[in-house]
Amino acid sequence: MTYVDGFVAAVPTANKQAYIKHAETSAALFKAYGALSVIECWGDDLPDGKVNSLHTAVMRKDDETVVFSWVTWPDKATRDAGWEQLMADPRMQPDVNPMPFDGERLIYGGFEMIVGP
C-alpha cells in the first residue's frame, strides 16, 4: 500500500531559490531510492487560525514562508530502505546539500495512505 512522508517547514523567504535548489537535488535522490513522486509547495494562501495554523505549527517568523511537501513511496518497506540509503548518501550530507531553513522547526512524519488515487 502506498506510503507517504509529509513535511512542513518555515523557510526564510529570502532563501526561496536556495530552497528550490535543495528540493530539486533531494527530489532526484528520493526518486533514485524508490520514491514514486516528490511534491514541494511554497505557501501562498495560509490563513491565521484562532487556535492553531501552519504558521504557529512551525513557529514561522515574519520573514519566513511555510512550505508543505510530501514524498510518495510504493510501500513502507521501500520507504524505510530508501531513507536508509538517503541518509548514507554523501550528496544528502549537510555540507553538500544544506537545508536553507531551521531544521529544528521542521515537522515531518510517515503516513499510510487510506484514500487516494
Protein backbone atom coordinates (compact mmCIF):
# COMPACT_ATOMS: atom_id res chain seq x y z
CA MET A 1 0.00 0.00 0.00
CA THR A 2 1.24 3.50 -0.87
CA TYR A 3 3.16 5.22 1.92
CA VAL A 4 3.62 9.00 2.27
CA ASP A 5 6.19 11.10 4.09
CA GLY A 6 4.89 14.60 4.87
CA PHE A 7 6.86 17.73 5.77
CA VAL A 8 6.01 21.27 6.89
CA ALA A 9 8.74 23.86 7.48
CA ALA A 10 9.31 27.60 7.73
CA VAL A 11 11.85 28.82 5.18
CA PRO A 12 13.35 32.32 5.16
CA THR A 13 11.60 33.97 2.22
CA ALA A 14 14.96 35.30 1.01
CA ASN A 15 16.12 31.67 0.69
CA LYS A 16 13.44 30.65 -1.82
CA GLN A 17 15.89 29.93 -4.65
CA ALA A 18 18.26 28.08 -2.30
CA TYR A 19 15.29 26.02 -1.09
CA ILE A 20 14.27 25.19 -4.66
CA LYS A 21 17.83 24.03 -5.41
CA HIS A 22 17.89 21.93 -2.21
CA ALA A 23 14.47 20.47 -3.04
CA GLU A 24 15.41 19.60 -6.63
CA THR A 25 18.60 17.85 -5.52
CA SER A 26 16.77 15.98 -2.78
CA ALA A 27 13.86 15.01 -5.06
CA ALA A 28 16.20 13.38 -7.57
CA LEU A 29 17.78 11.33 -4.78
CA PHE A 30 14.42 10.34 -3.27
CA LYS A 31 13.35 9.04 -6.69
CA ALA A 32 16.66 7.23 -7.20
CA TYR A 33 16.00 5.36 -3.95
CA GLY A 34 12.45 4.29 -4.78
CA ALA A 35 10.10 7.23 -4.26
CA LEU A 36 7.25 7.45 -6.75
CA SER A 37 6.88 11.23 -6.53
CA VAL A 38 8.12 14.27 -4.64
CA ILE A 39 5.93 17.37 -4.32
CA GLU A 40 7.22 20.69 -2.97
CA CYS A 41 4.85 23.61 -2.34
CA TRP A 42 5.64 27.23 -1.39
CA GLY A 43 3.00 28.78 0.89
CA ASP A 44 0.67 31.22 -0.84
CA ASP A 45 -2.71 31.34 0.93
CA LEU A 46 -2.21 30.35 4.57
CA PRO A 47 -4.80 31.84 6.91
CA ASP A 48 -4.04 32.57 10.54
CA GLY A 49 -6.02 30.29 12.83
CA LYS A 50 -7.69 31.23 16.09
CA VAL A 51 -6.16 28.25 17.92
CA ASN A 52 -3.51 26.91 15.55
CA SER A 53 -2.30 27.28 11.98
CA LEU A 54 0.54 26.25 9.74
CA HIS A 55 2.27 29.47 10.81
CA THR A 56 2.19 28.64 14.50
CA ALA A 57 2.90 24.94 13.98
CA VAL A 58 6.36 25.76 12.59
CA MET A 59 6.81 28.96 14.63
CA ARG A 60 7.06 30.99 11.42
CA LYS A 61 8.83 34.33 11.72
CA ASP A 62 7.74 37.44 9.81
CA ASP A 63 10.46 36.96 7.19
CA GLU A 64 9.63 33.28 6.53
CA THR A 65 7.27 31.34 4.28
CA VAL A 66 5.71 27.98 5.13
CA VAL A 67 6.47 25.09 2.77
CA PHE A 68 4.47 21.88 2.52
CA SER A 69 5.98 18.81 0.91
CA TRP A 70 5.32 15.13 0.53
CA VAL A 71 7.01 12.08 -0.90
CA THR A 72 5.06 9.03 -2.06
CA TRP A 73 6.51 5.54 -1.91
CA PRO A 74 5.11 2.23 -3.20
CA ASP A 75 5.03 0.88 0.37
CA LYS A 76 6.57 1.34 3.82
CA ALA A 77 9.33 -1.23 3.23
CA THR A 78 10.55 0.71 0.16
CA ARG A 79 10.34 3.93 2.16
CA ASP A 80 12.36 2.53 5.05
CA ALA A 81 15.06 1.18 2.71
CA GLY A 82 15.05 4.42 0.72
CA TRP A 83 15.54 6.57 3.81
CA GLU A 84 18.43 4.39 4.96
CA GLN A 85 20.12 4.84 1.58
CA LEU A 86 19.35 8.57 1.52
CA MET A 87 20.91 9.18 4.92
CA ALA A 88 24.05 7.32 3.86
CA ASP A 89 24.35 9.13 0.51
CA PRO A 90 27.13 11.75 0.58
CA ARG A 91 25.00 14.02 -1.65
CA MET A 92 22.48 14.39 1.19
CA GLN A 93 25.02 15.45 3.79
CA PRO A 94 24.61 18.99 5.19
CA ASP A 95 27.94 20.20 3.83
CA VAL A 96 26.92 19.16 0.28
CA ASN A 97 23.14 19.82 0.30
CA PRO A 98 22.47 22.15 3.27
CA MET A 99 18.92 22.79 4.43
CA PRO A 100 18.26 26.52 3.85
CA PHE A 101 15.93 26.65 6.86
CA ASP A 102 15.85 25.79 10.56
CA GLY A 103 15.55 22.01 10.66
CA GLU A 104 14.61 22.08 14.35
CA ARG A 105 11.23 23.55 13.38
CA LEU A 106 10.62 21.00 10.60
CA ILE A 107 7.51 18.88 11.18
CA TYR A 108 7.55 15.51 9.45
CA GLY A 109 6.15 12.03 9.65
CA GLY A 110 5.19 8.92 7.73
CA PHE A 111 1.63 8.06 6.81
CA GLU A 112 -0.17 5.04 5.45
CA MET A 113 -2.41 6.22 2.62
CA ILE A 114 -6.05 5.34 3.29
CA VAL A 115 -7.78 7.30 0.49
CA GLY A 116 -6.15 8.34 -2.74
CA PRO A 117 -5.58 7.67 -6.38
